[in-house]
């Protein structure tokens, strides 16, 4: 793993980063909203050029607004352009519903628990 900060706190969002096999896992806890989505964006964007696979673990994410959704979609697009695999795992019911309402659920592959069969 390159030299990424292990923990970042931004308002009601905490990001924990670790290497897990062939991927960098960024665990999001709290609320991903307009107030703090920039922290996630800058943190993950800095990783994209150096990594082949980034996994966003949303198991502890309690809420996401449209800014948070836009940030996740933007990161996905940036990763694809850089030939970096970008995945969301452990989606809560609320996040799954938000992705479904915006017709984005099919874009993000939820491989279940992030260790399952892919790492």
Protein backbone atom coordinates (compact mmCIF):
# COMPACT_ATOMS: atom_id res chain seq x y z
CA UNK A 1 0.00 0.00 0.00
CA UNK A 2 1.28 3.41 -0.86
CA UNK A 3 1.56 5.90 1.97
CA UNK A 4 -2.13 6.76 2.54
CA UNK A 5 -3.46 8.08 5.84
CA UNK A 6 -5.09 5.26 7.78
CA UNK A 7 -7.89 7.41 9.22
CA UNK A 8 -9.52 10.63 8.11
CA UNK A 9 -12.36 12.40 9.90
CA UNK A 10 -14.48 14.98 8.08
CA UNK A 11 -17.54 16.14 9.96
CA UNK A 12 -19.88 13.18 10.31
CA UNK A 13 -17.78 10.94 8.03
CA UNK A 14 -14.81 8.79 9.01
CA UNK A 15 -12.64 7.05 6.42
CA UNK A 16 -10.39 4.12 7.34
CA UNK A 17 -7.94 2.90 4.71
CA UNK A 18 -6.06 -0.39 4.60
CA UNK A 19 -4.54 -2.81 2.12
CA UNK A 20 -6.36 -6.12 1.84
CA UNK A 21 -4.81 -8.50 -0.65
CA UNK A 22 -4.76 -6.95 -4.10
CA UNK A 23 -6.97 -3.99 -3.18
CA UNK A 24 -7.06 -0.83 -1.16
CA UNK A 25 -10.15 -0.83 1.05
CA UNK A 26 -11.64 2.48 2.18
CA UNK A 27 -14.23 1.92 4.89
CA UNK A 28 -16.77 4.73 5.21
CA UNK A 29 -18.53 5.28 8.52
CA UNK A 30 -21.18 7.88 9.26
CA UNK A 31 -22.92 10.15 6.76
CA UNK A 32 -21.71 10.89 3.22
CA UNK A 33 -23.24 14.31 2.51
CA UNK A 34 -22.49 17.61 0.78
CA UNK A 35 -20.69 18.73 3.93
CA UNK A 36 -18.00 16.05 3.72
CA UNK A 37 -18.10 14.37 0.29
CA UNK A 38 -15.07 16.42 -0.78
CA UNK A 39 -12.94 14.56 1.77
CA UNK A 40 -13.83 11.20 0.22
CA UNK A 41 -13.32 12.57 -3.27
CA UNK A 42 -9.83 13.93 -2.64
CA UNK A 43 -8.76 10.90 -0.60
CA UNK A 44 -9.78 8.29 -3.18
CA UNK A 45 -8.79 10.36 -6.23
CA UNK A 46 -5.23 10.53 -4.89
CA UNK A 47 -5.13 6.71 -4.90
CA UNK A 48 -6.53 6.07 -8.37
CA UNK A 49 -3.32 6.61 -10.40
CA UNK A 50 -1.35 4.23 -8.15
CA UNK A 51 -3.79 1.38 -7.57
CA UNK A 52 -5.38 -1.36 -9.67
CA UNK A 53 -8.36 -1.94 -7.37
CA UNK A 54 -10.13 0.27 -4.83
CA UNK A 55 -13.00 -1.03 -2.73
CA UNK A 56 -15.38 1.31 -0.91
CA UNK A 57 -16.80 -0.57 2.08
CA UNK A 58 -20.11 1.08 2.98
CA UNK A 59 -21.11 -1.26 5.83
CA UNK A 60 -21.00 1.55 8.42
CA UNK A 61 -22.45 4.30 6.21
CA UNK A 62 -25.70 5.48 7.76
CA UNK A 63 -26.79 8.03 5.13
CA UNK A 64 -25.89 9.35 1.70
CA UNK A 65 -27.33 12.40 -0.05
CA UNK A 66 -27.18 13.41 -3.71
CA UNK A 67 -23.73 15.02 -3.25
CA UNK A 68 -22.41 11.79 -1.78
CA UNK A 69 -23.93 9.84 -4.65
CA UNK A 70 -22.39 12.25 -7.16
CA UNK A 71 -19.00 11.82 -5.50
CA UNK A 72 -19.20 8.04 -5.69
CA UNK A 73 -20.21 8.17 -9.37
CA UNK A 74 -17.41 10.64 -10.13
CA UNK A 75 -14.86 8.37 -8.44
CA UNK A 76 -16.16 5.42 -10.43
CA UNK A 77 -15.74 7.34 -13.71
CA UNK A 78 -12.23 8.55 -12.75
CA UNK A 79 -11.19 5.03 -11.80
CA UNK A 80 -12.52 3.55 -15.06
CA UNK A 81 -10.56 6.12 -17.10
CA UNK A 82 -7.41 5.17 -15.19
CA UNK A 83 -8.07 1.42 -15.65
CA UNK A 84 -8.56 1.02 -11.91
CA UNK A 85 -11.32 -1.30 -10.70
CA UNK A 86 -13.69 0.52 -8.34
CA UNK A 87 -16.24 -1.40 -6.31
CA UNK A 88 -18.82 -0.72 -3.65
CA UNK A 89 -19.41 -3.45 -1.09
CA UNK A 90 -21.63 -4.02 1.92
CA UNK A 91 -24.39 -1.70 0.75
CA UNK A 92 -27.02 -0.87 3.34
CA UNK A 93 -30.69 -1.07 2.39
CA UNK A 94 -30.88 2.75 2.23
CA UNK A 95 -27.84 3.09 -0.04
CA UNK A 96 -29.09 0.25 -2.25
CA UNK A 97 -32.46 2.03 -2.56
CA UNK A 98 -30.77 5.34 -3.46
CA UNK A 99 -28.69 3.63 -6.15
CA UNK A 100 -31.82 1.87 -7.41
CA UNK A 101 -33.87 5.07 -7.57
CA UNK A 102 -31.15 6.75 -9.59
CA UNK A 103 -30.79 3.70 -11.89
CA UNK A 104 -27.18 3.22 -10.80
CA UNK A 105 -27.46 -0.03 -8.87
CA UNK A 106 -26.45 -2.10 -11.91
CA UNK A 107 -23.34 0.02 -12.45
CA UNK A 108 -21.85 -0.94 -9.11
CA UNK A 109 -21.12 -4.57 -8.51
CA UNK A 110 -21.72 -5.55 -4.93
CA UNK A 111 -19.50 -8.57 -4.45
CA UNK A 112 -21.00 -9.12 -1.00
CA UNK A 113 -18.54 -9.07 1.80
CA UNK A 114 -15.40 -7.68 0.19
CA UNK A 115 -13.28 -10.73 0.90
CA UNK A 116 -15.61 -13.14 -0.85
CA UNK A 117 -13.94 -14.84 -3.76
CA UNK A 118 -12.40 -11.78 -5.39
CA UNK A 119 -9.37 -11.04 -3.23
